[in-house]
Amino acid sequence: MGVLKESAQIVQDVIIQSGYNNQVIELPQSARTAQEAADALNCKVAQIAKSIIFRLVESNEPVLVIASGVNRVNEQQIELLLNQKLGKADAEFVREYTGFVIGGVSPIGHKNTLLTFIDEDLFQYEEIWAAAGHPKAIFQLTPNELLEMTKGTVVNIK
């Protein structure tokens, strides 16, 4: 087991502190996109849990949507749940609230507690993969572990 990059180590520490033994691994190539991650792991793109940060327009608070790699987030669907408009989060906003760069945003280990929604489609798989704080770092987990770790709400994001 090599030494993890600092941002990936933060995620590994959070996993251990939360009572889990999932291992963060670093891939030789980038897993910045769901397709790249799936290719590297030899799994379905749908098994990649991509963490997307949105910004609430009124309150300027972050919202995390963890989507199956094949799904596009229907922003209107999330807006209905929140009764607020969603805006795009730029790289600076994402880094400020999560501590991670776009392409490496983990579902856990953020600087701040984030309101989190989880794509119900992830629950059709026994195992899924999520980014671990760096574009090359990932970890395997079950959908239920994702739910427990994030304390998120499972919704239809499409």
N, C-alpha and C. Protein backbone atom coordinates (compact mmCIF):
# COMPACT_ATOMS: atom_id res chain seq x y z
N MET A 1 0.85 -1.19 0.00
CA MET A 1 0.00 0.00 0.00
C MET A 1 0.89 1.24 0.00
N GLY A 2 0.81 2.01 -1.06
CA GLY A 2 1.63 3.22 -1.15
C GLY A 2 1.09 4.34 -0.27
N VAL A 3 1.83 5.39 -0.23
CA VAL A 3 1.41 6.56 0.52
C VAL A 3 0.37 7.30 -0.32
N LEU A 4 -0.76 7.62 0.31
CA LEU A 4 -1.82 8.32 -0.40
C LEU A 4 -1.53 9.81 -0.46
N LYS A 5 -2.05 10.45 -1.50
CA LYS A 5 -1.97 11.90 -1.57
C LYS A 5 -2.75 12.47 -0.38
N GLU A 6 -2.39 13.66 0.05
CA GLU A 6 -2.97 14.24 1.28
C GLU A 6 -4.50 14.25 1.27
N SER A 7 -5.09 14.68 0.15
CA SER A 7 -6.55 14.75 0.07
C SER A 7 -7.19 13.36 0.13
N ALA A 8 -6.53 12.37 -0.45
CA ALA A 8 -7.03 10.99 -0.40
C ALA A 8 -6.87 10.42 1.00
N GLN A 9 -5.81 10.80 1.70
CA GLN A 9 -5.59 10.33 3.07
C GLN A 9 -6.69 10.86 4.00
N ILE A 10 -7.14 12.08 3.75
CA ILE A 10 -8.24 12.64 4.55
C ILE A 10 -9.47 11.74 4.44
N VAL A 11 -9.78 11.32 3.21
CA VAL A 11 -10.94 10.45 2.99
C VAL A 11 -10.72 9.10 3.68
N GLN A 12 -9.51 8.54 3.55
CA GLN A 12 -9.21 7.26 4.20
C GLN A 12 -9.38 7.39 5.71
N ASP A 13 -8.90 8.47 6.29
CA ASP A 13 -9.03 8.69 7.74
C ASP A 13 -10.49 8.77 8.16
N VAL A 14 -11.31 9.45 7.37
CA VAL A 14 -12.74 9.57 7.69
C VAL A 14 -13.41 8.20 7.64
N ILE A 15 -13.04 7.40 6.65
CA ILE A 15 -13.61 6.04 6.54
C ILE A 15 -13.30 5.24 7.80
N ILE A 16 -12.03 5.24 8.22
CA ILE A 16 -11.60 4.49 9.40
C ILE A 16 -12.27 5.03 10.66
N GLN A 17 -12.27 6.37 10.80
CA GLN A 17 -12.89 6.99 11.98
C GLN A 17 -14.39 6.70 12.06
N SER A 18 -15.00 6.45 10.91
CA SER A 18 -16.44 6.14 10.87
C SER A 18 -16.71 4.67 11.14
N GLY A 19 -15.65 3.90 11.36
CA GLY A 19 -15.82 2.49 11.71
C GLY A 19 -15.87 1.54 10.53
N TYR A 20 -15.41 1.98 9.37
CA TYR A 20 -15.40 1.13 8.18
C TYR A 20 -13.96 0.75 7.84
N ASN A 21 -13.80 -0.27 7.02
CA ASN A 21 -12.44 -0.66 6.63
C ASN A 21 -12.23 -0.59 5.12
N ASN A 22 -13.09 0.15 4.41
CA ASN A 22 -12.92 0.35 2.97
C ASN A 22 -11.56 1.01 2.73
N GLN A 23 -10.90 0.58 1.67
CA GLN A 23 -9.56 1.09 1.37
C GLN A 23 -9.57 2.04 0.19
N VAL A 24 -8.99 3.20 0.38
CA VAL A 24 -8.79 4.14 -0.73
C VAL A 24 -7.62 3.63 -1.56
N ILE A 25 -7.80 3.60 -2.86
CA ILE A 25 -6.71 3.20 -3.75
C ILE A 25 -6.49 4.33 -4.76
N GLU A 26 -5.26 4.43 -5.23
CA GLU A 26 -4.96 5.41 -6.26
C GLU A 26 -4.67 4.67 -7.56
N LEU A 27 -5.34 5.10 -8.60
CA LEU A 27 -5.18 4.49 -9.91
C LEU A 27 -3.99 5.13 -10.63
N PRO A 28 -3.35 4.38 -11.52
CA PRO A 28 -2.23 4.96 -12.26
C PRO A 28 -2.67 6.09 -13.19
N GLN A 29 -3.92 6.00 -13.67
CA GLN A 29 -4.42 7.05 -14.56
C GLN A 29 -5.59 7.77 -13.89
N SER A 30 -5.98 8.86 -14.48
CA SER A 30 -7.06 9.68 -13.93
C SER A 30 -8.39 8.94 -13.93
N ALA A 31 -9.17 9.18 -12.90
CA ALA A 31 -10.55 8.70 -12.83
C ALA A 31 -11.45 9.93 -12.66
N ARG A 32 -11.07 11.00 -13.33
CA ARG A 32 -11.78 12.29 -13.21
C ARG A 32 -13.23 12.18 -13.68
N THR A 33 -13.46 11.38 -14.72
CA THR A 33 -14.83 11.19 -15.20
C THR A 33 -15.30 9.79 -14.84
N ALA A 34 -16.61 9.62 -14.83
CA ALA A 34 -17.18 8.30 -14.52
C ALA A 34 -16.70 7.26 -15.54
N GLN A 35 -16.60 7.65 -16.81
CA GLN A 35 -16.14 6.73 -17.84
C GLN A 35 -14.69 6.30 -17.60
N GLU A 36 -13.82 7.27 -17.27
CA GLU A 36 -12.42 6.93 -16.98
C GLU A 36 -12.32 5.98 -15.79
N ALA A 37 -13.10 6.26 -14.76
CA ALA A 37 -13.07 5.40 -13.57
C ALA A 37 -13.55 3.99 -13.90
N ALA A 38 -14.65 3.90 -14.62
CA ALA A 38 -15.19 2.59 -14.98
C ALA A 38 -14.21 1.80 -15.84
N ASP A 39 -13.57 2.47 -16.80
CA ASP A 39 -12.57 1.80 -17.64
C ASP A 39 -11.43 1.27 -16.79
N ALA A 40 -10.95 2.08 -15.85
CA ALA A 40 -9.82 1.67 -15.01
C ALA A 40 -10.18 0.52 -14.08
N LEU A 41 -11.44 0.48 -13.65
CA LEU A 41 -11.88 -0.54 -12.68
C LEU A 41 -12.53 -1.74 -13.34
N ASN A 42 -12.75 -1.64 -14.64
CA ASN A 42 -13.44 -2.70 -15.37
C ASN A 42 -14.82 -2.97 -14.78
N CYS A 43 -15.55 -1.90 -14.53
CA CYS A 43 -16.92 -2.04 -14.02
C CYS A 43 -17.84 -1.19 -14.90
N LYS A 44 -19.13 -1.23 -14.62
CA LYS A 44 -20.09 -0.43 -15.38
C LYS A 44 -20.00 1.03 -14.96
N VAL A 45 -20.20 1.92 -15.91
CA VAL A 45 -20.21 3.36 -15.60
C VAL A 45 -21.28 3.64 -14.54
N ALA A 46 -22.37 2.89 -14.59
CA ALA A 46 -23.47 3.09 -13.64
C ALA A 46 -23.05 2.80 -12.20
N GLN A 47 -21.95 2.05 -12.00
CA GLN A 47 -21.47 1.72 -10.65
C GLN A 47 -20.56 2.80 -10.08
N ILE A 48 -20.29 3.83 -10.85
CA ILE A 48 -19.48 4.94 -10.37
C ILE A 48 -20.42 5.95 -9.70
N ALA A 49 -20.17 6.24 -8.45
CA ALA A 49 -20.97 7.23 -7.71
C ALA A 49 -20.26 8.57 -7.85
N LYS A 50 -20.79 9.42 -8.74
CA LYS A 50 -20.13 10.71 -8.97
C LYS A 50 -20.74 11.76 -8.05
N SER A 51 -19.87 12.50 -7.39
CA SER A 51 -20.29 13.54 -6.46
C SER A 51 -20.30 14.89 -7.17
N ILE A 52 -21.49 15.47 -7.25
CA ILE A 52 -21.64 16.75 -7.95
C ILE A 52 -22.12 17.80 -6.95
N ILE A 53 -21.40 18.89 -6.89
CA ILE A 53 -21.76 19.99 -5.99
C ILE A 53 -22.54 21.05 -6.75
N PHE A 54 -23.68 21.42 -6.17
CA PHE A 54 -24.47 22.54 -6.68
C PHE A 54 -24.46 23.64 -5.62
N ARG A 55 -24.84 24.82 -6.03
CA ARG A 55 -24.92 25.95 -5.12
C ARG A 55 -26.36 26.43 -5.09
N LEU A 56 -26.94 26.53 -3.89
CA LEU A 56 -28.29 27.08 -3.77
C LEU A 56 -28.21 28.58 -4.06
N VAL A 57 -29.03 29.05 -5.00
CA VAL A 57 -28.95 30.43 -5.46
C VAL A 57 -29.23 31.42 -4.32
N GLU A 58 -30.31 31.17 -3.54
CA GLU A 58 -30.71 32.12 -2.51
C GLU A 58 -29.75 32.15 -1.32
N SER A 59 -29.43 30.98 -0.79
CA SER A 59 -28.63 30.92 0.45
C SER A 59 -27.13 30.79 0.21
N ASN A 60 -26.74 30.51 -1.05
CA ASN A 60 -25.34 30.29 -1.40
C ASN A 60 -24.74 29.10 -0.65
N GLU A 61 -25.57 28.15 -0.24
CA GLU A 61 -25.12 26.94 0.45
C GLU A 61 -24.87 25.83 -0.58
N PRO A 62 -23.93 24.93 -0.28
CA PRO A 62 -23.68 23.82 -1.20
C PRO A 62 -24.68 22.67 -1.01
N VAL A 63 -24.95 21.98 -2.10
CA VAL A 63 -25.76 20.77 -2.08
C VAL A 63 -24.95 19.71 -2.83
N LEU A 64 -24.85 18.53 -2.24
CA LEU A 64 -24.15 17.42 -2.88
C LEU A 64 -25.16 16.44 -3.44
N VAL A 65 -25.02 16.13 -4.72
CA VAL A 65 -25.84 15.09 -5.34
C VAL A 65 -24.88 13.98 -5.77
N ILE A 66 -25.10 12.78 -5.25
CA ILE A 66 -24.27 11.63 -5.60
C ILE A 66 -25.05 10.81 -6.61
N ALA A 67 -24.60 10.85 -7.86
CA ALA A 67 -25.34 10.27 -8.97
C ALA A 67 -24.64 9.05 -9.54
N SER A 68 -25.44 8.13 -10.05
CA SER A 68 -24.89 7.02 -10.82
C SER A 68 -24.19 7.60 -12.03
N GLY A 69 -23.05 7.03 -12.40
CA GLY A 69 -22.23 7.55 -13.49
C GLY A 69 -22.94 7.69 -14.82
N VAL A 70 -24.04 6.97 -15.03
CA VAL A 70 -24.76 7.07 -16.30
C VAL A 70 -25.86 8.12 -16.27
N ASN A 71 -26.18 8.62 -15.08
CA ASN A 71 -27.31 9.55 -14.97
C ASN A 71 -26.88 11.00 -14.97
N ARG A 72 -27.74 11.80 -15.57
CA ARG A 72 -27.56 13.24 -15.52
C ARG A 72 -28.53 13.74 -14.46
N VAL A 73 -28.07 14.65 -13.62
CA VAL A 73 -28.93 15.19 -12.56
C VAL A 73 -29.96 16.13 -13.19
N ASN A 74 -31.23 15.83 -12.92
CA ASN A 74 -32.30 16.73 -13.34
C ASN A 74 -32.42 17.79 -12.25
N GLU A 75 -31.88 18.96 -12.54
CA GLU A 75 -31.82 20.00 -11.52
C GLU A 75 -33.21 20.41 -11.03
N GLN A 76 -34.20 20.37 -11.93
CA GLN A 76 -35.57 20.73 -11.51
C GLN A 76 -36.09 19.77 -10.44
N GLN A 77 -35.70 18.50 -10.55
CA GLN A 77 -36.13 17.49 -9.58
C GLN A 77 -35.59 17.84 -8.19
N ILE A 78 -34.33 18.24 -8.12
CA ILE A 78 -33.71 18.60 -6.84
C ILE A 78 -34.30 19.92 -6.32
N GLU A 79 -34.55 20.85 -7.25
CA GLU A 79 -35.15 22.13 -6.86
C GLU A 79 -36.53 21.92 -6.23
N LEU A 80 -37.29 20.97 -6.77
CA LEU A 80 -38.61 20.66 -6.21
C LEU A 80 -38.48 20.14 -4.78
N LEU A 81 -37.50 19.28 -4.55
CA LEU A 81 -37.28 18.74 -3.20
C LEU A 81 -36.90 19.83 -2.20
N LEU A 82 -36.13 20.79 -2.67
CA LEU A 82 -35.59 21.83 -1.79
C LEU A 82 -36.42 23.11 -1.77
N ASN A 83 -37.28 23.24 -2.79
CA ASN A 83 -38.04 24.48 -2.96
C ASN A 83 -37.10 25.68 -3.07
N GLN A 84 -35.98 25.46 -3.74
CA GLN A 84 -34.99 26.52 -3.99
C GLN A 84 -34.36 26.28 -5.35
N LYS A 85 -33.88 27.34 -5.95
CA LYS A 85 -33.18 27.25 -7.23
C LYS A 85 -31.76 26.76 -7.02
N LEU A 86 -31.31 25.89 -7.93
CA LEU A 86 -29.93 25.41 -7.91
C LEU A 86 -29.11 26.20 -8.91
N GLY A 87 -27.90 26.53 -8.51
CA GLY A 87 -26.98 27.19 -9.42
C GLY A 87 -25.75 26.32 -9.60
N LYS A 88 -24.96 26.68 -10.57
CA LYS A 88 -23.70 25.97 -10.80
C LYS A 88 -22.69 26.36 -9.73
N ALA A 89 -21.90 25.42 -9.33
CA ALA A 89 -20.82 25.68 -8.38
C ALA A 89 -19.51 25.71 -9.16
N ASP A 90 -18.78 26.80 -9.07
CA ASP A 90 -17.50 26.84 -9.78
C ASP A 90 -16.42 26.13 -8.94
N ALA A 91 -15.25 25.99 -9.54
CA ALA A 91 -14.16 25.24 -8.91
C ALA A 91 -13.79 25.80 -7.54
N GLU A 92 -13.79 27.12 -7.43
CA GLU A 92 -13.43 27.76 -6.16
C GLU A 92 -14.45 27.45 -5.07
N PHE A 93 -15.74 27.52 -5.44
CA PHE A 93 -16.83 27.22 -4.50
C PHE A 93 -16.71 25.77 -4.02
N VAL A 94 -16.50 24.84 -4.98
CA VAL A 94 -16.39 23.42 -4.65
C VAL A 94 -15.23 23.19 -3.68
N ARG A 95 -14.10 23.78 -3.98
CA ARG A 95 -12.93 23.59 -3.11
C ARG A 95 -13.15 24.21 -1.73
N GLU A 96 -13.78 25.39 -1.70
CA GLU A 96 -14.04 26.08 -0.44
C GLU A 96 -14.90 25.24 0.50
N TYR A 97 -15.95 24.61 -0.03
CA TYR A 97 -16.89 23.89 0.82
C TYR A 97 -16.52 22.43 1.05
N THR A 98 -15.78 21.83 0.10
CA THR A 98 -15.47 20.41 0.26
C THR A 98 -14.01 20.17 0.63
N GLY A 99 -13.13 21.06 0.21
CA GLY A 99 -11.70 20.83 0.38
C GLY A 99 -11.11 20.02 -0.76
N PHE A 100 -11.93 19.65 -1.74
CA PHE A 100 -11.48 18.81 -2.85
C PHE A 100 -11.60 19.56 -4.17
N VAL A 101 -10.83 19.09 -5.17
CA VAL A 101 -10.91 19.66 -6.51
C VAL A 101 -12.00 18.93 -7.31
N ILE A 102 -12.57 19.63 -8.27
CA ILE A 102 -13.55 19.00 -9.16
C ILE A 102 -12.85 17.82 -9.85
N GLY A 103 -13.54 16.70 -9.92
CA GLY A 103 -12.95 15.49 -10.50
C GLY A 103 -12.42 14.56 -9.42
N GLY A 104 -12.34 15.07 -8.19
CA GLY A 104 -11.89 14.25 -7.08
C GLY A 104 -12.78 14.39 -5.85
N VAL A 105 -13.95 15.04 -6.02
CA VAL A 105 -14.83 15.28 -4.88
C VAL A 105 -15.36 13.95 -4.35
N SER A 106 -15.08 13.71 -3.10
CA SER A 106 -15.52 12.49 -2.42
C SER A 106 -16.92 12.73 -1.85
N PRO A 107 -17.69 11.66 -1.65
CA PRO A 107 -18.99 11.84 -1.00
C PRO A 107 -18.85 12.12 0.51
N ILE A 108 -17.65 11.93 1.05
CA ILE A 108 -17.42 12.12 2.50
C ILE A 108 -16.14 12.92 2.73
N GLY A 109 -15.94 13.36 3.96
CA GLY A 109 -14.67 14.00 4.30
C GLY A 109 -14.59 15.47 3.95
N HIS A 110 -15.75 16.11 3.79
CA HIS A 110 -15.76 17.53 3.41
C HIS A 110 -15.41 18.42 4.59
N LYS A 111 -14.99 19.64 4.26
CA LYS A 111 -14.70 20.65 5.29
C LYS A 111 -15.97 20.99 6.06
N ASN A 112 -17.10 20.98 5.37
CA ASN A 112 -18.39 21.34 5.97
C ASN A 112 -19.38 20.20 5.77
N THR A 113 -20.39 20.13 6.62
CA THR A 113 -21.46 19.16 6.44
C THR A 113 -22.32 19.63 5.28
N LEU A 114 -22.57 18.74 4.34
CA LEU A 114 -23.33 19.11 3.15
C LEU A 114 -24.69 18.42 3.12
N LEU A 115 -25.70 19.15 2.68
CA LEU A 115 -26.99 18.56 2.39
C LEU A 115 -26.75 17.61 1.23
N THR A 116 -27.12 16.34 1.39
CA THR A 116 -26.72 15.31 0.42
C THR A 116 -27.91 14.51 -0.08
N PHE A 117 -27.98 14.37 -1.40
CA PHE A 117 -28.97 13.51 -2.05
C PHE A 117 -28.24 12.40 -2.79
N ILE A 118 -28.79 11.18 -2.69
CA ILE A 118 -28.16 10.01 -3.32
C ILE A 118 -29.12 9.44 -4.37
N ASP A 119 -28.60 9.21 -5.55
CA ASP A 119 -29.34 8.64 -6.66
C ASP A 119 -29.82 7.23 -6.29
N GLU A 120 -31.13 7.02 -6.36
CA GLU A 120 -31.69 5.70 -6.03
C GLU A 120 -31.18 4.60 -6.96
N ASP A 121 -30.75 4.97 -8.17
CA ASP A 121 -30.27 3.97 -9.13
C ASP A 121 -28.99 3.26 -8.66
N LEU A 122 -28.24 3.87 -7.77
CA LEU A 122 -27.02 3.22 -7.26
C LEU A 122 -27.35 1.96 -6.46
N PHE A 123 -28.57 1.88 -5.94
CA PHE A 123 -28.94 0.77 -5.05
C PHE A 123 -29.23 -0.53 -5.78
N GLN A 124 -29.14 -0.52 -7.11
CA GLN A 124 -29.32 -1.78 -7.85
C GLN A 124 -28.01 -2.59 -7.89
N TYR A 125 -26.92 -2.01 -7.38
CA TYR A 125 -25.62 -2.68 -7.44
C TYR A 125 -25.15 -3.10 -6.05
N GLU A 126 -24.46 -4.24 -6.01
CA GLU A 126 -23.90 -4.71 -4.74
C GLU A 126 -22.73 -3.85 -4.32
N GLU A 127 -21.95 -3.42 -5.29
CA GLU A 127 -20.78 -2.58 -4.99
C GLU A 127 -20.73 -1.40 -5.95
N ILE A 128 -20.28 -0.28 -5.41
CA ILE A 128 -20.11 0.93 -6.21
C ILE A 128 -18.75 1.51 -5.87
N TRP A 129 -18.34 2.49 -6.65
CA TRP A 129 -17.04 3.14 -6.46
C TRP A 129 -17.24 4.64 -6.39
N ALA A 130 -16.52 5.29 -5.52
CA ALA A 130 -16.64 6.75 -5.38
C ALA A 130 -15.26 7.38 -5.35
N ALA A 131 -15.20 8.63 -5.77
CA ALA A 131 -13.94 9.38 -5.71
C ALA A 131 -13.52 9.54 -4.25
N ALA A 132 -12.22 9.64 -4.06
CA ALA A 132 -11.69 9.72 -2.69
C ALA A 132 -10.77 10.93 -2.54
N GLY A 133 -11.26 12.08 -2.98
CA GLY A 133 -10.54 13.31 -2.68
C GLY A 133 -9.49 13.75 -3.69
N HIS A 134 -9.24 12.93 -4.69
CA HIS A 134 -8.24 13.25 -5.70
C HIS A 134 -8.68 12.59 -7.01
N PRO A 135 -8.38 13.20 -8.18
CA PRO A 135 -8.83 12.61 -9.44
C PRO A 135 -8.35 11.18 -9.71
N LYS A 136 -7.31 10.72 -9.04
CA LYS A 136 -6.85 9.35 -9.24
C LYS A 136 -7.22 8.43 -8.07
N ALA A 137 -7.82 8.97 -7.03
CA ALA A 137 -8.13 8.18 -5.82
C ALA A 137 -9.61 7.80 -5.79
N ILE A 138 -9.85 6.52 -5.47
CA ILE A 138 -11.22 6.01 -5.39
C ILE A 138 -11.33 5.01 -4.27
N PHE A 139 -12.57 4.70 -3.88
CA PHE A 139 -12.77 3.61 -2.94
C PHE A 139 -14.07 2.89 -3.27
N GLN A 140 -14.08 1.61 -2.92
CA GLN A 140 -15.24 0.76 -3.17
C GLN A 140 -16.09 0.74 -1.92
N LEU A 141 -17.41 0.71 -2.12
CA LEU A 141 -18.33 0.61 -0.99
C LEU A 141 -19.66 0.09 -1.49
N THR A 142 -20.56 -0.21 -0.57
CA THR A 142 -21.90 -0.63 -0.96
C THR A 142 -22.80 0.61 -0.93
N PRO A 143 -23.92 0.56 -1.64
CA PRO A 143 -24.85 1.70 -1.57
C PRO A 143 -25.30 2.00 -0.14
N ASN A 144 -25.50 0.97 0.66
CA ASN A 144 -25.91 1.20 2.05
C ASN A 144 -24.81 1.87 2.87
N GLU A 145 -23.56 1.51 2.61
CA GLU A 145 -22.45 2.19 3.28
C GLU A 145 -22.41 3.66 2.89
N LEU A 146 -22.67 3.93 1.60
CA LEU A 146 -22.72 5.31 1.13
C LEU A 146 -23.79 6.09 1.89
N LEU A 147 -24.95 5.48 2.02
CA LEU A 147 -26.05 6.12 2.74
C LEU A 147 -25.68 6.38 4.20
N GLU A 148 -25.08 5.38 4.85
CA GLU A 148 -24.68 5.52 6.26
C GLU A 148 -23.59 6.58 6.42
N MET A 149 -22.60 6.54 5.55
CA MET A 149 -21.46 7.46 5.68
C MET A 149 -21.85 8.92 5.43
N THR A 150 -22.76 9.14 4.47
CA THR A 150 -23.11 10.51 4.08
C THR A 150 -24.32 11.05 4.85
N LYS A 151 -25.11 10.13 5.43
CA LYS A 151 -26.38 10.51 6.05
C LYS A 151 -27.26 11.26 5.04
N GLY A 152 -27.14 10.83 3.79
CA GLY A 152 -27.88 11.48 2.70
C GLY A 152 -29.32 10.99 2.61
N THR A 153 -30.03 11.54 1.65
CA THR A 153 -31.42 11.17 1.36
C THR A 153 -31.44 10.54 -0.01
N VAL A 154 -32.04 9.34 -0.12
CA VAL A 154 -32.12 8.64 -1.40
C VAL A 154 -33.32 9.21 -2.19
N VAL A 155 -33.03 9.65 -3.40
CA VAL A 155 -34.08 10.26 -4.24
C VAL A 155 -33.92 9.83 -5.69
N ASN A 156 -34.94 10.11 -6.47
CA ASN A 156 -34.88 9.97 -7.92
C ASN A 156 -34.28 11.28 -8.43
N ILE A 157 -33.13 11.21 -9.04
CA ILE A 157 -32.46 12.44 -9.49
C ILE A 157 -32.72 12.75 -10.97
N LYS A 158 -33.45 11.85 -11.65
CA LYS A 158 -33.61 12.01 -13.11
C LYS A 158 -34.84 12.85 -13.46
